[in-house]
């Protein structure tokens, strides 16, 4: 358990949960030996062959933004700039077996762990973390406090401007939701994600070594 404290106008303490990372034991041993770790991507998530980990919807976000009687909707592609590591909020041998793994380790300080890894990523721009939320509602609906954009314009110049403004509005309204929403059929996994964004697109995965991250974790024997 890790608590980060902020003192702005009043003291406020943030509780970060312990995470459980399920994995093959050989990779756990490698991580605790020299910090060897593989970070995945959203496009890699969509390629998993087993039912427990495959989600074809990863990297796609269906949204609807309304203001009074006007609406903007679409499918946003996201996550092309982010490496991802998934863990669970639940310590469970049954969950480990469901994933087809034979081991797991604890991440005691998710923020410290994530920050340490960021130093190993060239072009790192920002990172964030949090629990997934589960919903079968598609599209995910948002009520805007300002008017949505006018219908599709006619000239090429207007189309380009409309495209930029609509993308900006989508990001403002949905914030980080696209990175954390999953279908309710995966709710038993209680997934928690750490994400590292870089300048440019990511590969399917990246293998790194980060010995500094080991101190934030505990090996389960």
C-alpha atoms as a PDB file:
ATOM      1  CA  UNK A   1       0.000   0.000   0.000  1.00  0.00           C
ATOM      2  CA  UNK A   2       1.341   3.418  -0.956  1.00  0.00           C
ATOM      3  CA  UNK A   3      -0.065   6.817   0.019  1.00  0.00           C
ATOM      4  CA  UNK A   4       0.851  10.004  -1.831  1.00  0.00           C
ATOM      5  CA  UNK A   5       0.096  13.189   0.078  1.00  0.00           C
ATOM      6  CA  UNK A   6      -0.613  16.646  -1.318  1.00  0.00           C
ATOM      7  CA  UNK A   7      -0.806  19.853   0.657  1.00  0.00           C
ATOM      8  CA  UNK A   8      -2.441  22.519  -1.440  1.00  0.00           C
ATOM      9  CA  UNK A   9      -5.085  24.325   0.582  1.00  0.00           C
ATOM     10  CA  UNK A  10      -5.977  21.296   2.702  1.00  0.00           C
ATOM     11  CA  UNK A  11      -4.140  18.006   3.254  1.00  0.00           C
ATOM     12  CA  UNK A  12      -5.388  15.284   0.933  1.00  0.00           C
ATOM     13  CA  UNK A  13      -4.015  11.740   0.818  1.00  0.00           C
ATOM     14  CA  UNK A  14      -4.231   9.452  -2.193  1.00  0.00           C
ATOM     15  CA  UNK A  15      -4.286   5.716  -1.567  1.00  0.00           C
ATOM     16  CA  UNK A  16      -2.704   3.616  -4.306  1.00  0.00           C
ATOM     17  CA  UNK A  17      -3.589  -0.090  -4.172  1.00  0.00           C
ATOM     18  CA  UNK A  18      -1.167  -2.977  -4.351  1.00  0.00           C
ATOM     19  CA  UNK A  19      -1.264  -4.544  -7.821  1.00  0.00           C
ATOM     20  CA  UNK A  20      -0.834  -8.164  -8.843  1.00  0.00           C
ATOM     21  CA  UNK A  21       0.959  -8.892 -12.105  1.00  0.00           C
ATOM     22  CA  UNK A  22       0.233 -12.420 -13.416  1.00  0.00           C
ATOM     23  CA  UNK A  23       2.937 -13.899 -15.615  1.00  0.00           C
ATOM     24  CA  UNK A  24       4.964 -17.003 -16.467  1.00  0.00           C
ATOM     25  CA  UNK A  25       7.412 -17.717 -13.636  1.00  0.00           C
ATOM     26  CA  UNK A  26      10.459 -17.549 -15.933  1.00  0.00           C
ATOM     27  CA  UNK A  27       9.645 -13.924 -16.777  1.00  0.00           C
ATOM     28  CA  UNK A  28       9.060 -13.079 -13.122  1.00  0.00           C
ATOM     29  CA  UNK A  29      12.485 -14.519 -12.287  1.00  0.00           C
ATOM     30  CA  UNK A  30      14.031 -12.469 -15.101  1.00  0.00           C
ATOM     31  CA  UNK A  31      12.441  -9.265 -13.810  1.00  0.00           C
ATOM     32  CA  UNK A  32      13.730  -9.779 -10.269  1.00  0.00           C
ATOM     33  CA  UNK A  33      17.167 -10.736 -11.603  1.00  0.00           C
ATOM     34  CA  UNK A  34      17.915  -7.677 -13.744  1.00  0.00           C
ATOM     35  CA  UNK A  35      14.676  -5.718 -14.264  1.00  0.00           C
ATOM     36  CA  UNK A  36      13.776  -7.408 -17.579  1.00  0.00           C
ATOM     37  CA  UNK A  37      10.221  -6.476 -18.501  1.00  0.00           C
ATOM     38  CA  UNK A  38       8.009  -6.479 -21.572  1.00  0.00           C
ATOM     39  CA  UNK A  39       5.558  -3.626 -22.122  1.00  0.00           C
ATOM     40  CA  UNK A  40       2.705  -4.327 -24.498  1.00  0.00           C
ATOM     41  CA  UNK A  41       0.419  -2.116 -26.611  1.00  0.00           C
ATOM     42  CA  UNK A  42      -3.279  -1.799 -27.399  1.00  0.00           C
ATOM     43  CA  UNK A  43      -2.842  -3.315 -30.836  1.00  0.00           C
ATOM     44  CA  UNK A  44      -1.086  -6.275 -29.215  1.00  0.00           C
ATOM     45  CA  UNK A  45      -3.980  -6.673 -26.746  1.00  0.00           C
ATOM     46  CA  UNK A  46      -6.336  -7.086 -29.693  1.00  0.00           C
ATOM     47  CA  UNK A  47      -4.189  -9.928 -31.076  1.00  0.00           C
ATOM     48  CA  UNK A  48      -4.253 -12.244 -28.043  1.00  0.00           C
ATOM     49  CA  UNK A  49      -5.557 -15.656 -29.062  1.00  0.00           C
ATOM     50  CA  UNK A  50      -6.961 -16.739 -25.698  1.00  0.00           C
ATOM     51  CA  UNK A  51     -10.435 -15.546 -24.727  1.00  0.00           C
ATOM     52  CA  UNK A  52      -9.384 -14.185 -21.321  1.00  0.00           C
ATOM     53  CA  UNK A  53      -7.009 -11.617 -22.822  1.00  0.00           C
ATOM     54  CA  UNK A  54      -8.332 -10.986 -26.333  1.00  0.00           C
ATOM     55  CA  UNK A  55     -10.388  -7.820 -26.760  1.00  0.00           C
ATOM     56  CA  UNK A  56     -10.857  -6.751 -30.365  1.00  0.00           C
ATOM     57  CA  UNK A  57     -12.217  -3.424 -29.122  1.00  0.00           C
ATOM     58  CA  UNK A  58      -8.879  -2.318 -27.635  1.00  0.00           C
ATOM     59  CA  UNK A  59      -7.671   0.812 -29.374  1.00  0.00           C
ATOM     60  CA  UNK A  60     -11.169   1.791 -30.514  1.00  0.00           C
ATOM     61  CA  UNK A  61     -13.577   4.047 -28.631  1.00  0.00           C
ATOM     62  CA  UNK A  62     -17.184   4.632 -29.650  1.00  0.00           C
ATOM     63  CA  UNK A  63     -18.507   7.921 -28.275  1.00  0.00           C
ATOM     64  CA  UNK A  64     -21.475  10.263 -28.462  1.00  0.00           C
ATOM     65  CA  UNK A  65     -21.328  13.899 -27.322  1.00  0.00           C
ATOM     66  CA  UNK A  66     -24.539  15.870 -27.002  1.00  0.00           C
ATOM     67  CA  UNK A  67     -25.400  19.470 -26.257  1.00  0.00           C
ATOM     68  CA  UNK A  68     -29.104  20.303 -26.064  1.00  0.00           C
ATOM     69  CA  UNK A  69     -30.464  18.989 -29.400  1.00  0.00           C
ATOM     70  CA  UNK A  70     -27.152  18.689 -31.215  1.00  0.00           C
ATOM     71  CA  UNK A  71     -24.876  15.634 -31.253  1.00  0.00           C
ATOM     72  CA  UNK A  72     -21.446  14.531 -32.404  1.00  0.00           C
ATOM     73  CA  UNK A  73     -20.581  10.826 -32.531  1.00  0.00           C
ATOM     74  CA  UNK A  74     -17.913   8.591 -33.960  1.00  0.00           C
ATOM     75  CA  UNK A  75     -15.268   5.914 -33.442  1.00  0.00           C
ATOM     76  CA  UNK A  76     -11.942   7.203 -32.188  1.00  0.00           C
ATOM     77  CA  UNK A  77      -8.722   5.261 -32.653  1.00  0.00           C
ATOM     78  CA  UNK A  78      -6.368   5.759 -29.718  1.00  0.00           C
ATOM     79  CA  UNK A  79      -3.378   4.344 -27.895  1.00  0.00           C
ATOM     80  CA  UNK A  80      -1.002   4.207 -30.845  1.00  0.00           C
ATOM     81  CA  UNK A  81       1.493   6.238 -28.817  1.00  0.00           C
ATOM     82  CA  UNK A  82       1.249   4.247 -25.569  1.00  0.00           C
ATOM     83  CA  UNK A  83       2.952   1.219 -24.077  1.00  0.00           C
ATOM     84  CA  UNK A  84       0.806  -0.576 -21.511  1.00  0.00           C
ATOM     85  CA  UNK A  85       1.272  -2.876 -18.551  1.00  0.00           C
ATOM     86  CA  UNK A  86      -1.797  -4.569 -17.092  1.00  0.00           C
ATOM     87  CA  UNK A  87      -2.158  -5.843 -13.562  1.00  0.00           C
ATOM     88  CA  UNK A  88      -5.065  -6.786 -11.323  1.00  0.00           C
ATOM     89  CA  UNK A  89      -6.464  -5.413  -8.087  1.00  0.00           C
ATOM     90  CA  UNK A  90      -7.251  -8.988  -7.020  1.00  0.00           C
ATOM     91  CA  UNK A  91      -4.834 -11.593  -5.679  1.00  0.00           C
ATOM     92  CA  UNK A  92      -6.302 -14.881  -6.877  1.00  0.00           C
ATOM     93  CA  UNK A  93      -4.863 -18.217  -7.947  1.00  0.00           C
ATOM     94  CA  UNK A  94      -8.051 -18.792  -9.923  1.00  0.00           C
ATOM     95  CA  UNK A  95      -7.439 -15.599 -11.882  1.00  0.00           C
ATOM     96  CA  UNK A  96      -3.834 -16.616 -12.467  1.00  0.00           C
ATOM     97  CA  UNK A  97      -4.991 -19.970 -13.839  1.00  0.00           C
ATOM     98  CA  UNK A  98      -7.640 -18.312 -16.011  1.00  0.00           C
ATOM     99  CA  UNK A  99      -4.879 -16.323 -17.713  1.00  0.00           C
ATOM    100  CA  UNK A 100      -2.896 -19.534 -18.185  1.00  0.00           C
ATOM    101  CA  UNK A 101       0.033 -18.340 -16.057  1.00  0.00           C
ATOM    102  CA  UNK A 102       1.923 -20.080 -13.268  1.00  0.00           C
ATOM    103  CA  UNK A 103       3.089 -17.125 -11.169  1.00  0.00           C
ATOM    104  CA  UNK A 104       2.648 -13.495 -10.171  1.00  0.00           C
ATOM    105  CA  UNK A 105       4.347 -10.681  -8.294  1.00  0.00           C
ATOM    106  CA  UNK A 106       3.176  -7.649  -6.337  1.00  0.00           C
ATOM    107  CA  UNK A 107       3.646  -4.053  -7.385  1.00  0.00           C
ATOM    108  CA  UNK A 108       3.576  -2.299  -4.018  1.00  0.00           C
ATOM    109  CA  UNK A 109       4.046   1.244  -5.328  1.00  0.00           C
ATOM    110  CA  UNK A 110       2.476   1.585  -8.811  1.00  0.00           C
ATOM    111  CA  UNK A 111       3.479   5.241  -9.214  1.00  0.00           C
ATOM    112  CA  UNK A 112       7.103   4.670  -8.228  1.00  0.00           C
ATOM    113  CA  UNK A 113       7.206   1.608 -10.486  1.00  0.00           C
ATOM    114  CA  UNK A 114       5.800   3.530 -13.442  1.00  0.00           C
ATOM    115  CA  UNK A 115       8.088   6.519 -13.012  1.00  0.00           C
ATOM    116  CA  UNK A 116      11.145   4.263 -12.824  1.00  0.00           C
ATOM    117  CA  UNK A 117      10.187   2.553 -16.089  1.00  0.00           C
ATOM    118  CA  UNK A 118       9.605   5.890 -17.832  1.00  0.00           C
ATOM    119  CA  UNK A 119      13.342   6.610 -17.599  1.00  0.00           C
ATOM    120  CA  UNK A 120      14.012   3.613 -19.864  1.00  0.00           C
ATOM    121  CA  UNK A 121      11.748   4.751 -22.716  1.00  0.00           C
ATOM    122  CA  UNK A 122      13.200   6.970 -25.411  1.00  0.00           C
ATOM    123  CA  UNK A 123      10.883   9.827 -26.306  1.00  0.00           C
ATOM    124  CA  UNK A 124       8.761   9.424 -23.159  1.00  0.00           C
ATOM    125  CA  UNK A 125       6.242  12.276 -22.991  1.00  0.00           C
ATOM    126  CA  UNK A 126       3.741  11.466 -20.248  1.00  0.00           C
ATOM    127  CA  UNK A 127       2.425   8.598 -18.164  1.00  0.00           C
ATOM    128  CA  UNK A 128      -0.758   7.776 -16.310  1.00  0.00           C
ATOM    129  CA  UNK A 129      -2.328   4.953 -14.359  1.00  0.00           C
ATOM    130  CA  UNK A 130      -5.677   3.850 -13.020  1.00  0.00           C
ATOM    131  CA  UNK A 131      -8.289   1.106 -12.752  1.00  0.00           C
ATOM    132  CA  UNK A 132     -10.339   0.065 -15.746  1.00  0.00           C
ATOM    133  CA  UNK A 133     -14.083   0.649 -15.704  1.00  0.00           C
ATOM    134  CA  UNK A 134     -16.490  -1.789 -17.284  1.00  0.00           C
ATOM    135  CA  UNK A 135     -19.492  -0.999 -19.435  1.00  0.00           C
ATOM    136  CA  UNK A 136     -21.521  -2.681 -22.169  1.00  0.00           C
ATOM    137  CA  UNK A 137     -22.942   0.671 -23.224  1.00  0.00           C
ATOM    138  CA  UNK A 138     -21.828   1.630 -26.730  1.00  0.00           C
ATOM    139  CA  UNK A 139     -21.442   4.418 -27.497  1.00  0.00           C
ATOM    140  CA  UNK A 140     -20.165   5.922 -24.257  1.00  0.00           C
ATOM    141  CA  UNK A 141     -22.271   9.055 -23.872  1.00  0.00           C
ATOM    142  CA  UNK A 142     -21.196  12.510 -22.745  1.00  0.00           C
ATOM    143  CA  UNK A 143     -23.260  15.634 -22.095  1.00  0.00           C
ATOM    144  CA  UNK A 144     -21.232  18.672 -23.135  1.00  0.00           C
ATOM    145  CA  UNK A 145     -21.464  22.084 -21.514  1.00  0.00           C
ATOM    146  CA  UNK A 146     -20.715  23.805 -24.799  1.00  0.00           C
ATOM    147  CA  UNK A 147     -22.191  23.440 -28.294  1.00  0.00           C
ATOM    148  CA  UNK A 148     -20.931  20.591 -30.431  1.00  0.00           C
ATOM    149  CA  UNK A 149     -19.525  21.424 -33.830  1.00  0.00           C
ATOM    150  CA  UNK A 150     -21.694  22.178 -36.838  1.00  0.00           C
ATOM    151  CA  UNK A 151     -22.357  19.419 -39.409  1.00  0.00           C
ATOM    152  CA  UNK A 152     -19.636  18.374 -41.855  1.00  0.00           C
ATOM    153  CA  UNK A 153     -18.475  21.416 -43.866  1.00  0.00           C
ATOM    154  CA  UNK A 154     -18.077  21.582 -47.636  1.00  0.00           C
ATOM    155  CA  UNK A 155     -14.682  23.072 -48.557  1.00  0.00           C
ATOM    156  CA  UNK A 156     -11.403  21.224 -47.961  1.00  0.00           C
ATOM    157  CA  UNK A 157     -10.127  24.014 -45.733  1.00  0.00           C
ATOM    158  CA  UNK A 158     -13.297  23.893 -43.627  1.00  0.00           C
ATOM    159  CA  UNK A 159     -13.102  20.100 -43.454  1.00  0.00           C
ATOM    160  CA  UNK A 160      -9.534  20.206 -42.154  1.00  0.00           C
ATOM    161  CA  UNK A 161     -10.417  22.795 -39.529  1.00  0.00           C
ATOM    162  CA  UNK A 162     -13.546  20.859 -38.541  1.00  0.00           C
ATOM    163  CA  UNK A 163     -11.504  17.674 -38.191  1.00  0.00           C
ATOM    164  CA  UNK A 164      -8.947  19.310 -35.902  1.00  0.00           C
ATOM    165  CA  UNK A 165     -11.598  20.993 -33.761  1.00  0.00           C
ATOM    166  CA  UNK A 166     -13.749  17.860 -33.467  1.00  0.00           C
ATOM    167  CA  UNK A 167     -10.744  15.803 -32.379  1.00  0.00           C
ATOM    168  CA  UNK A 168      -9.869  18.410 -29.778  1.00  0.00           C
ATOM    169  CA  UNK A 169     -13.432  18.425 -28.484  1.00  0.00           C
ATOM    170  CA  UNK A 170     -13.501  14.628 -28.308  1.00  0.00           C
ATOM    171  CA  UNK A 171     -10.317  14.632 -26.208  1.00  0.00           C
ATOM    172  CA  UNK A 172     -11.651  17.352 -23.916  1.00  0.00           C
ATOM    173  CA  UNK A 173     -14.912  15.501 -23.262  1.00  0.00           C
ATOM    174  CA  UNK A 174     -13.682  11.899 -23.016  1.00  0.00           C
ATOM    175  CA  UNK A 175     -10.384  12.735 -21.244  1.00  0.00           C
ATOM    176  CA  UNK A 176      -8.600   9.441 -20.452  1.00  0.00           C
ATOM    177  CA  UNK A 177     -11.695   7.220 -20.640  1.00  0.00           C
ATOM    178  CA  UNK A 178     -10.705   5.529 -23.938  1.00  0.00           C
ATOM    179  CA  UNK A 179      -7.597   4.083 -22.282  1.00  0.00           C
ATOM    180  CA  UNK A 180      -9.510   2.457 -19.430  1.00  0.00           C
ATOM    181  CA  UNK A 181     -12.956   1.324 -20.623  1.00  0.00           C
ATOM    182  CA  UNK A 182     -13.545  -2.404 -21.165  1.00  0.00           C
ATOM    183  CA  UNK A 183     -16.549  -4.640 -21.792  1.00  0.00           C
ATOM    184  CA  UNK A 184     -18.247  -6.011 -18.675  1.00  0.00           C
ATOM    185  CA  UNK A 185     -17.411  -9.603 -19.626  1.00  0.00           C
ATOM    186  CA  UNK A 186     -13.877  -8.798 -18.418  1.00  0.00           C
ATOM    187  CA  UNK A 187     -14.981  -7.267 -15.103  1.00  0.00           C
ATOM    188  CA  UNK A 188     -13.820 -10.252 -13.009  1.00  0.00           C
ATOM    189  CA  UNK A 189     -10.226  -9.372 -13.963  1.00  0.00           C
ATOM    190  CA  UNK A 190     -10.358  -6.083 -11.996  1.00  0.00           C
ATOM    191  CA  UNK A 191      -7.711  -4.665 -14.301  1.00  0.00           C
ATOM    192  CA  UNK A 192      -5.468  -1.749 -13.398  1.00  0.00           C
ATOM    193  CA  UNK A 193      -3.314  -0.172 -16.103  1.00  0.00           C
ATOM    194  CA  UNK A 194      -0.078   1.761 -16.281  1.00  0.00           C
ATOM    195  CA  UNK A 195       0.604   3.602 -19.546  1.00  0.00           C
ATOM    196  CA  UNK A 196       3.693   5.297 -20.952  1.00  0.00           C
ATOM    197  CA  UNK A 197       3.247   7.606 -23.946  1.00  0.00           C
ATOM    198  CA  UNK A 198       6.117   8.352 -26.291  1.00  0.00           C
ATOM    199  CA  UNK A 199       6.597  10.742 -29.183  1.00  0.00           C
ATOM    200  CA  UNK A 200       5.555   8.716 -32.226  1.00  0.00           C
ATOM    201  CA  UNK A 201       3.853   5.340 -32.592  1.00  0.00           C
ATOM    202  CA  UNK A 202       4.774   2.332 -30.482  1.00  0.00           C
ATOM    203  CA  UNK A 203       5.664  -1.174 -31.668  1.00  0.00           C
ATOM    204  CA  UNK A 204       3.563  -4.191 -30.694  1.00  0.00           C
ATOM    205  CA  UNK A 205       5.707  -4.454 -27.578  1.00  0.00           C
ATOM    206  CA  UNK A 206       9.057  -3.397 -26.190  1.00  0.00           C
ATOM    207  CA  UNK A 207      11.519  -5.304 -24.007  1.00  0.00           C
ATOM    208  CA  UNK A 208      13.398  -3.215 -21.457  1.00  0.00           C
ATOM    209  CA  UNK A 209      15.579  -3.644 -18.406  1.00  0.00           C
ATOM    210  CA  UNK A 210      14.823  -1.475 -15.412  1.00  0.00           C
ATOM    211  CA  UNK A 211      16.525  -2.702 -12.211  1.00  0.00           C
ATOM    212  CA  UNK A 212      15.307   0.484 -10.481  1.00  0.00           C
ATOM    213  CA  UNK A 213      11.719  -0.815 -10.710  1.00  0.00           C
ATOM    214  CA  UNK A 214      12.452  -3.957  -8.686  1.00  0.00           C
ATOM    215  CA  UNK A 215      12.438  -2.148  -5.326  1.00  0.00           C
ATOM    216  CA  UNK A 216       8.794  -1.219  -5.820  1.00  0.00           C
ATOM    217  CA  UNK A 217       7.765  -4.880  -6.095  1.00  0.00           C
ATOM    218  CA  UNK A 218       7.637  -8.101  -4.090  1.00  0.00           C
ATOM    219  CA  UNK A 219       8.309 -11.560  -5.478  1.00  0.00           C
ATOM    220  CA  UNK A 220       5.780 -14.226  -4.492  1.00  0.00           C
ATOM    221  CA  UNK A 221       7.357 -17.564  -3.641  1.00  0.00           C
END
